[in-house]
């Protein structure tokens, strides 16, 4: 087992139509306004950005996103990740009668040296930290969409 490899899946039932949700998710530069753990976003160009993320645990992650797939009709946004973690992240939106089901899939390998050294003893904490961050993101996006 590679202790620095992670797969995450989160499901966010949101009470908004897929088009509204998609528009919010594709504007990565707006994430700090509704997702507290996304502390800073610097756009590199139309398809890339650098994010600084910090959740409950006392470390920042710097991640470079590069768009890999974009399909508003299919409800898909996918990015290649680099920096403190390498891998992929994908948003998939599915219409539901009460709004949208958002599925977030992420598969990454940690590259940040401190996190790699703490891979075995910190694994459960890293997973819990990610879960907390995702719950907070869902709450923030729900509030953002309600305010529109």
N, C-alpha and C. Protein backbone atom coordinates (compact mmCIF):
# COMPACT_ATOMS: atom_id res chain seq x y z
N UNK A 1 0.85 -1.18 0.00
CA UNK A 1 0.00 0.00 0.00
C UNK A 1 0.89 1.24 0.00
N UNK A 2 0.55 2.18 -0.87
CA UNK A 2 1.24 3.46 -0.90
C UNK A 2 0.50 4.41 0.04
N UNK A 3 1.09 4.71 1.16
CA UNK A 3 0.45 5.52 2.21
C UNK A 3 0.28 6.98 1.78
N UNK A 4 0.89 7.38 0.69
CA UNK A 4 0.76 8.75 0.20
C UNK A 4 -0.24 8.88 -0.94
N UNK A 5 -0.94 7.81 -1.25
CA UNK A 5 -1.94 7.80 -2.31
C UNK A 5 -3.34 7.84 -1.67
N UNK A 6 -4.18 8.71 -2.18
CA UNK A 6 -5.53 8.86 -1.64
C UNK A 6 -6.56 8.89 -2.75
N UNK A 7 -7.72 8.31 -2.46
CA UNK A 7 -8.91 8.42 -3.31
C UNK A 7 -10.03 8.93 -2.43
N UNK A 8 -10.67 9.98 -2.89
CA UNK A 8 -11.77 10.56 -2.15
C UNK A 8 -13.00 10.66 -3.05
N UNK A 9 -14.15 10.52 -2.45
CA UNK A 9 -15.43 10.77 -3.14
C UNK A 9 -16.35 11.47 -2.16
N UNK A 10 -16.94 12.55 -2.63
CA UNK A 10 -17.91 13.29 -1.82
C UNK A 10 -19.16 13.50 -2.67
N UNK A 11 -20.30 13.43 -2.02
CA UNK A 11 -21.58 13.69 -2.69
C UNK A 11 -22.23 14.88 -2.02
N UNK A 12 -22.60 15.86 -2.83
CA UNK A 12 -23.23 17.07 -2.32
C UNK A 12 -24.62 17.21 -2.95
N UNK A 13 -25.68 16.88 -2.23
CA UNK A 13 -27.02 17.20 -2.75
C UNK A 13 -27.25 18.70 -2.55
N UNK A 14 -27.51 19.40 -3.65
CA UNK A 14 -27.69 20.85 -3.58
C UNK A 14 -29.05 21.24 -4.14
N UNK A 15 -29.73 22.19 -3.49
CA UNK A 15 -31.07 22.61 -3.92
C UNK A 15 -31.03 23.71 -4.98
N UNK A 16 -30.27 23.46 -6.04
CA UNK A 16 -30.18 24.44 -7.13
C UNK A 16 -30.06 23.66 -8.44
N UNK A 17 -30.48 24.26 -9.55
CA UNK A 17 -30.38 23.58 -10.84
C UNK A 17 -28.93 23.37 -11.26
N UNK A 18 -28.67 22.32 -12.05
CA UNK A 18 -27.30 22.02 -12.46
C UNK A 18 -26.57 23.18 -13.13
N UNK A 19 -27.24 23.97 -13.92
CA UNK A 19 -26.58 25.09 -14.60
C UNK A 19 -26.01 26.10 -13.61
N UNK A 20 -26.76 26.41 -12.58
CA UNK A 20 -26.28 27.35 -11.55
C UNK A 20 -25.09 26.76 -10.79
N UNK A 21 -25.20 25.49 -10.46
CA UNK A 21 -24.12 24.83 -9.72
C UNK A 21 -22.86 24.78 -10.58
N UNK A 22 -23.03 24.43 -11.82
CA UNK A 22 -21.88 24.34 -12.73
C UNK A 22 -21.17 25.69 -12.84
N UNK A 23 -21.95 26.76 -13.01
CA UNK A 23 -21.35 28.10 -13.13
C UNK A 23 -20.57 28.47 -11.87
N UNK A 24 -21.06 28.09 -10.72
CA UNK A 24 -20.34 28.37 -9.47
C UNK A 24 -19.05 27.55 -9.38
N UNK A 25 -19.11 26.29 -9.77
CA UNK A 25 -17.93 25.42 -9.66
C UNK A 25 -16.86 25.76 -10.69
N UNK A 26 -17.25 26.26 -11.84
CA UNK A 26 -16.23 26.56 -12.85
C UNK A 26 -15.49 27.86 -12.55
N UNK A 27 -16.02 28.69 -11.67
CA UNK A 27 -15.36 29.96 -11.31
C UNK A 27 -14.48 29.74 -10.08
N UNK A 28 -13.38 29.05 -10.29
CA UNK A 28 -12.48 28.68 -9.20
C UNK A 28 -11.97 29.91 -8.46
N UNK A 29 -11.84 31.03 -9.12
CA UNK A 29 -11.35 32.24 -8.47
C UNK A 29 -12.33 32.75 -7.40
N UNK A 30 -13.59 32.30 -7.45
CA UNK A 30 -14.59 32.69 -6.46
C UNK A 30 -14.64 31.75 -5.25
N UNK A 31 -13.94 30.62 -5.31
CA UNK A 31 -14.02 29.65 -4.22
C UNK A 31 -13.74 30.25 -2.84
N UNK A 32 -12.74 31.12 -2.68
CA UNK A 32 -12.50 31.65 -1.32
C UNK A 32 -13.71 32.39 -0.73
N UNK A 33 -14.61 32.87 -1.56
CA UNK A 33 -15.79 33.57 -1.08
C UNK A 33 -16.82 32.67 -0.44
N UNK A 34 -16.81 31.39 -0.79
CA UNK A 34 -17.80 30.48 -0.20
C UNK A 34 -17.19 29.23 0.42
N UNK A 35 -15.93 28.97 0.17
CA UNK A 35 -15.28 27.76 0.71
C UNK A 35 -14.14 28.22 1.62
N UNK A 36 -14.37 28.25 2.94
CA UNK A 36 -13.41 28.85 3.86
C UNK A 36 -12.00 28.26 3.80
N UNK A 37 -11.86 27.00 3.49
CA UNK A 37 -10.54 26.37 3.47
C UNK A 37 -9.74 26.72 2.21
N UNK A 38 -10.39 27.21 1.19
CA UNK A 38 -9.67 27.69 0.01
C UNK A 38 -9.32 29.14 0.30
N UNK A 39 -8.10 29.35 0.75
CA UNK A 39 -7.69 30.65 1.27
C UNK A 39 -7.34 31.65 0.18
N UNK A 40 -6.83 31.14 -0.94
CA UNK A 40 -6.36 32.06 -1.98
C UNK A 40 -6.35 31.34 -3.33
N UNK A 41 -6.74 32.05 -4.36
CA UNK A 41 -6.69 31.52 -5.72
C UNK A 41 -6.03 32.57 -6.61
N UNK A 42 -5.02 32.14 -7.35
CA UNK A 42 -4.36 33.02 -8.31
C UNK A 42 -4.52 32.39 -9.68
N UNK A 43 -5.24 33.08 -10.55
CA UNK A 43 -5.43 32.60 -11.92
C UNK A 43 -4.11 32.68 -12.67
N UNK A 44 -3.76 31.61 -13.37
CA UNK A 44 -2.58 31.60 -14.23
C UNK A 44 -2.95 32.00 -15.65
N UNK A 45 -4.12 31.52 -16.09
CA UNK A 45 -4.65 31.81 -17.41
C UNK A 45 -6.08 31.30 -17.42
N UNK A 46 -6.69 31.14 -18.60
CA UNK A 46 -8.09 30.71 -18.67
C UNK A 46 -8.32 29.27 -18.20
N UNK A 47 -7.28 28.45 -18.18
CA UNK A 47 -7.46 27.04 -17.83
C UNK A 47 -6.63 26.60 -16.64
N UNK A 48 -6.00 27.53 -15.94
CA UNK A 48 -5.16 27.13 -14.81
C UNK A 48 -5.19 28.13 -13.68
N UNK A 49 -4.93 27.62 -12.48
CA UNK A 49 -4.90 28.46 -11.28
C UNK A 49 -4.04 27.79 -10.22
N UNK A 50 -3.57 28.59 -9.28
CA UNK A 50 -2.87 28.09 -8.11
C UNK A 50 -3.76 28.37 -6.91
N UNK A 51 -4.01 27.33 -6.10
CA UNK A 51 -4.83 27.46 -4.91
C UNK A 51 -3.98 27.25 -3.68
N UNK A 52 -4.26 28.03 -2.65
CA UNK A 52 -3.67 27.78 -1.34
C UNK A 52 -4.81 27.36 -0.43
N UNK A 53 -4.65 26.16 0.14
CA UNK A 53 -5.71 25.54 0.93
C UNK A 53 -5.19 25.27 2.34
N UNK A 54 -6.04 25.53 3.31
CA UNK A 54 -5.71 25.20 4.69
C UNK A 54 -7.01 24.85 5.40
N UNK A 55 -7.04 23.68 6.01
CA UNK A 55 -8.21 23.24 6.74
C UNK A 55 -7.90 23.26 8.23
N UNK A 56 -8.35 22.27 8.95
CA UNK A 56 -8.18 22.24 10.40
C UNK A 56 -6.73 21.99 10.82
N UNK A 57 -6.05 21.11 10.12
CA UNK A 57 -4.67 20.79 10.48
C UNK A 57 -3.75 21.95 10.12
N UNK A 58 -2.67 22.15 10.88
CA UNK A 58 -1.84 23.35 10.72
C UNK A 58 -0.81 23.27 9.58
N UNK A 59 -1.30 23.14 8.36
CA UNK A 59 -0.41 23.19 7.20
C UNK A 59 -1.19 23.72 6.01
N UNK A 60 -0.49 24.39 5.13
CA UNK A 60 -1.08 24.86 3.87
C UNK A 60 -0.69 23.89 2.77
N UNK A 61 -1.58 23.74 1.81
CA UNK A 61 -1.27 23.02 0.58
C UNK A 61 -1.35 24.03 -0.56
N UNK A 62 -0.37 23.98 -1.43
CA UNK A 62 -0.38 24.79 -2.64
C UNK A 62 -0.56 23.85 -3.81
N UNK A 63 -1.63 24.06 -4.55
CA UNK A 63 -2.01 23.14 -5.62
C UNK A 63 -2.20 23.92 -6.91
N UNK A 64 -1.63 23.42 -7.98
CA UNK A 64 -1.84 23.99 -9.30
C UNK A 64 -2.92 23.16 -10.00
N UNK A 65 -3.94 23.83 -10.49
CA UNK A 65 -5.02 23.18 -11.24
C UNK A 65 -4.84 23.50 -12.72
N UNK A 66 -4.98 22.49 -13.54
CA UNK A 66 -5.01 22.68 -15.00
C UNK A 66 -6.25 21.96 -15.52
N UNK A 67 -7.09 22.69 -16.22
CA UNK A 67 -8.31 22.11 -16.77
C UNK A 67 -7.98 20.93 -17.67
N UNK A 68 -8.66 19.81 -17.45
CA UNK A 68 -8.49 18.62 -18.28
C UNK A 68 -9.74 18.33 -19.10
N UNK A 69 -10.90 18.65 -18.54
CA UNK A 69 -12.16 18.44 -19.25
C UNK A 69 -13.18 19.45 -18.75
N UNK A 70 -13.98 19.94 -19.69
CA UNK A 70 -15.05 20.89 -19.35
C UNK A 70 -16.22 20.58 -20.27
N UNK A 71 -17.35 20.22 -19.67
CA UNK A 71 -18.53 19.95 -20.47
C UNK A 71 -19.78 20.37 -19.70
N UNK A 72 -20.22 21.61 -19.92
CA UNK A 72 -21.43 22.06 -19.21
C UNK A 72 -22.64 21.17 -19.49
N UNK A 73 -22.79 20.71 -20.71
CA UNK A 73 -23.93 19.85 -21.06
C UNK A 73 -23.93 18.53 -20.31
N UNK A 74 -22.75 17.96 -20.13
CA UNK A 74 -22.64 16.70 -19.39
C UNK A 74 -22.46 16.92 -17.89
N UNK A 75 -22.26 18.17 -17.50
CA UNK A 75 -22.07 18.47 -16.08
C UNK A 75 -20.74 17.99 -15.54
N UNK A 76 -19.68 18.13 -16.33
CA UNK A 76 -18.36 17.63 -15.93
C UNK A 76 -17.33 18.75 -15.95
N UNK A 77 -16.58 18.83 -14.87
CA UNK A 77 -15.39 19.67 -14.78
C UNK A 77 -14.29 18.79 -14.21
N UNK A 78 -13.16 18.73 -14.90
CA UNK A 78 -12.06 17.89 -14.43
C UNK A 78 -10.76 18.68 -14.53
N UNK A 79 -9.89 18.45 -13.54
CA UNK A 79 -8.61 19.14 -13.52
C UNK A 79 -7.49 18.19 -13.16
N UNK A 80 -6.32 18.48 -13.71
CA UNK A 80 -5.08 17.80 -13.31
C UNK A 80 -4.47 18.66 -12.21
N UNK A 81 -4.00 18.00 -11.16
CA UNK A 81 -3.45 18.69 -10.00
C UNK A 81 -1.94 18.51 -9.94
N UNK A 82 -1.25 19.54 -9.51
CA UNK A 82 0.19 19.48 -9.30
C UNK A 82 0.55 20.29 -8.07
N UNK A 83 1.82 20.27 -7.72
CA UNK A 83 2.28 21.01 -6.55
C UNK A 83 2.43 20.09 -5.36
N UNK A 84 1.78 20.42 -4.24
CA UNK A 84 1.90 19.61 -3.03
C UNK A 84 1.19 18.27 -3.14
N UNK A 85 0.37 18.12 -4.17
CA UNK A 85 -0.24 16.82 -4.48
C UNK A 85 -0.40 16.73 -5.99
N UNK A 86 -0.16 15.55 -6.52
CA UNK A 86 -0.33 15.30 -7.95
C UNK A 86 -1.52 14.37 -8.14
N UNK A 87 -2.29 14.61 -9.18
CA UNK A 87 -3.40 13.71 -9.46
C UNK A 87 -4.47 14.39 -10.28
N UNK A 88 -5.71 13.99 -10.01
CA UNK A 88 -6.86 14.49 -10.75
C UNK A 88 -8.00 14.75 -9.80
N UNK A 89 -8.85 15.70 -10.19
CA UNK A 89 -10.08 15.98 -9.46
C UNK A 89 -11.19 16.17 -10.49
N UNK A 90 -12.39 15.73 -10.14
CA UNK A 90 -13.49 15.78 -11.10
C UNK A 90 -14.80 16.08 -10.39
N UNK A 91 -15.50 17.07 -10.88
CA UNK A 91 -16.87 17.36 -10.46
C UNK A 91 -17.80 16.76 -11.52
N UNK A 92 -18.83 16.04 -11.08
CA UNK A 92 -19.85 15.51 -11.99
C UNK A 92 -21.21 15.89 -11.42
N UNK A 93 -22.01 16.58 -12.22
CA UNK A 93 -23.31 17.06 -11.77
C UNK A 93 -24.42 16.24 -12.40
N UNK A 94 -25.38 15.83 -11.57
CA UNK A 94 -26.52 15.05 -12.04
C UNK A 94 -27.80 15.77 -11.61
N UNK A 95 -28.68 16.07 -12.58
CA UNK A 95 -29.94 16.72 -12.19
C UNK A 95 -30.80 15.78 -11.35
N UNK A 96 -31.49 16.37 -10.40
CA UNK A 96 -32.45 15.66 -9.56
C UNK A 96 -33.69 16.54 -9.44
N UNK A 97 -34.83 15.95 -9.11
CA UNK A 97 -36.05 16.78 -9.00
C UNK A 97 -35.90 17.94 -8.01
N UNK A 98 -35.15 17.73 -6.95
CA UNK A 98 -34.99 18.76 -5.93
C UNK A 98 -33.74 19.62 -6.12
N UNK A 99 -33.04 19.45 -7.26
CA UNK A 99 -31.85 20.26 -7.51
C UNK A 99 -30.79 19.50 -8.27
N UNK A 100 -29.62 19.36 -7.64
CA UNK A 100 -28.46 18.73 -8.29
C UNK A 100 -27.71 17.86 -7.30
N UNK A 101 -27.29 16.71 -7.77
CA UNK A 101 -26.36 15.90 -6.99
C UNK A 101 -24.98 16.13 -7.58
N UNK A 102 -24.08 16.64 -6.75
CA UNK A 102 -22.71 16.90 -7.16
C UNK A 102 -21.84 15.79 -6.61
N UNK A 103 -21.09 15.18 -7.49
CA UNK A 103 -20.14 14.14 -7.08
C UNK A 103 -18.73 14.67 -7.32
N UNK A 104 -17.92 14.60 -6.28
CA UNK A 104 -16.53 15.04 -6.38
C UNK A 104 -15.64 13.82 -6.19
N UNK A 105 -14.82 13.55 -7.18
CA UNK A 105 -13.86 12.45 -7.11
C UNK A 105 -12.46 13.04 -7.20
N UNK A 106 -11.60 12.57 -6.33
CA UNK A 106 -10.22 13.04 -6.33
C UNK A 106 -9.31 11.85 -6.09
N UNK A 107 -8.27 11.74 -6.89
CA UNK A 107 -7.24 10.72 -6.71
C UNK A 107 -5.90 11.44 -6.78
N UNK A 108 -5.15 11.37 -5.67
CA UNK A 108 -3.92 12.15 -5.56
C UNK A 108 -2.82 11.37 -4.86
N UNK A 109 -1.61 11.82 -5.13
CA UNK A 109 -0.42 11.38 -4.40
C UNK A 109 0.16 12.61 -3.73
N UNK A 110 0.40 12.51 -2.43
CA UNK A 110 0.98 13.63 -1.70
C UNK A 110 2.43 13.82 -2.10
N UNK A 111 2.82 15.07 -2.29
CA UNK A 111 4.20 15.40 -2.64
C UNK A 111 4.87 16.29 -1.58
N UNK A 112 4.06 16.94 -0.75
CA UNK A 112 4.61 17.84 0.27
C UNK A 112 5.45 17.00 1.24
N UNK A 113 6.72 17.32 1.42
CA UNK A 113 7.61 16.49 2.24
C UNK A 113 7.11 16.22 3.66
N UNK A 114 6.59 17.22 4.34
CA UNK A 114 6.09 17.01 5.70
C UNK A 114 4.98 15.97 5.72
N UNK A 115 4.05 16.07 4.82
CA UNK A 115 2.92 15.12 4.79
C UNK A 115 3.39 13.73 4.41
N UNK A 116 4.38 13.63 3.55
CA UNK A 116 4.92 12.31 3.18
C UNK A 116 5.58 11.66 4.40
N UNK A 117 6.28 12.46 5.21
CA UNK A 117 6.92 11.90 6.41
C UNK A 117 5.89 11.43 7.42
N UNK A 118 4.73 12.08 7.45
CA UNK A 118 3.67 11.73 8.40
C UNK A 118 2.63 10.78 7.81
N UNK A 119 2.95 10.18 6.69
CA UNK A 119 1.96 9.39 5.94
C UNK A 119 1.28 8.32 6.78
N UNK A 120 2.03 7.53 7.49
CA UNK A 120 1.42 6.42 8.24
C UNK A 120 0.69 6.93 9.48
N UNK A 121 1.35 7.67 10.38
CA UNK A 121 0.61 8.08 11.58
C UNK A 121 -0.47 9.12 11.30
N UNK A 122 -0.33 9.88 10.21
CA UNK A 122 -1.28 10.95 9.94
C UNK A 122 -2.42 10.61 9.02
N UNK A 123 -2.44 9.40 8.46
CA UNK A 123 -3.43 9.07 7.43
C UNK A 123 -4.87 9.31 7.89
N UNK A 124 -5.23 8.83 9.06
CA UNK A 124 -6.62 9.01 9.53
C UNK A 124 -6.94 10.50 9.72
N UNK A 125 -5.98 11.26 10.22
CA UNK A 125 -6.19 12.70 10.39
C UNK A 125 -6.32 13.40 9.04
N UNK A 126 -5.51 13.00 8.07
CA UNK A 126 -5.60 13.61 6.74
C UNK A 126 -6.97 13.34 6.12
N UNK A 127 -7.47 12.12 6.29
CA UNK A 127 -8.80 11.78 5.75
C UNK A 127 -9.90 12.59 6.45
N UNK A 128 -9.80 12.69 7.77
CA UNK A 128 -10.80 13.46 8.53
C UNK A 128 -10.74 14.93 8.14
N UNK A 129 -9.55 15.46 7.95
CA UNK A 129 -9.37 16.84 7.54
C UNK A 129 -10.03 17.09 6.18
N UNK A 130 -9.84 16.16 5.25
CA UNK A 130 -10.46 16.28 3.93
C UNK A 130 -11.98 16.24 4.04
N UNK A 131 -12.50 15.32 4.86
CA UNK A 131 -13.96 15.23 5.04
C UNK A 131 -14.52 16.53 5.60
N UNK A 132 -13.84 17.10 6.57
CA UNK A 132 -14.27 18.37 7.15
C UNK A 132 -14.28 19.47 6.09
N UNK A 133 -13.23 19.51 5.31
CA UNK A 133 -13.14 20.52 4.26
C UNK A 133 -14.29 20.37 3.25
N UNK A 134 -14.59 19.16 2.87
CA UNK A 134 -15.65 18.93 1.89
C UNK A 134 -17.02 19.28 2.47
N UNK A 135 -17.28 18.95 3.73
CA UNK A 135 -18.56 19.33 4.35
C UNK A 135 -18.70 20.86 4.38
N UNK A 136 -17.62 21.53 4.72
CA UNK A 136 -17.64 22.98 4.76
C UNK A 136 -17.87 23.57 3.36
N UNK A 137 -17.26 22.98 2.36
CA UNK A 137 -17.47 23.42 0.98
C UNK A 137 -18.91 23.27 0.55
N UNK A 138 -19.52 22.15 0.90
CA UNK A 138 -20.94 21.93 0.55
C UNK A 138 -21.82 22.98 1.22
N UNK A 139 -21.59 23.23 2.50
CA UNK A 139 -22.38 24.24 3.21
C UNK A 139 -22.19 25.62 2.58
N UNK A 140 -20.94 25.95 2.27
CA UNK A 140 -20.65 27.26 1.69
C UNK A 140 -21.28 27.43 0.33
N UNK A 141 -21.21 26.40 -0.51
CA UNK A 141 -21.79 26.50 -1.84
C UNK A 141 -23.31 26.55 -1.75
N UNK A 142 -23.90 25.80 -0.83
CA UNK A 142 -25.35 25.86 -0.64
C UNK A 142 -25.78 27.28 -0.30
N UNK A 143 -25.05 27.92 0.63
CA UNK A 143 -25.39 29.29 1.01
C UNK A 143 -25.17 30.26 -0.15
N UNK A 144 -24.11 30.08 -0.89
CA UNK A 144 -23.80 30.93 -2.05
C UNK A 144 -24.91 30.84 -3.09
N UNK A 145 -25.35 29.63 -3.38
CA UNK A 145 -26.39 29.44 -4.38
C UNK A 145 -27.74 30.01 -3.92
N UNK A 146 -28.01 29.94 -2.63
CA UNK A 146 -29.26 30.48 -2.08
C UNK A 146 -29.28 32.00 -2.17
N UNK A 147 -28.10 32.61 -2.13
CA UNK A 147 -28.01 34.07 -2.17
C UNK A 147 -28.13 34.64 -3.58
N UNK A 148 -28.05 33.77 -4.59
CA UNK A 148 -28.10 34.24 -5.98
C UNK A 148 -29.51 34.59 -6.39
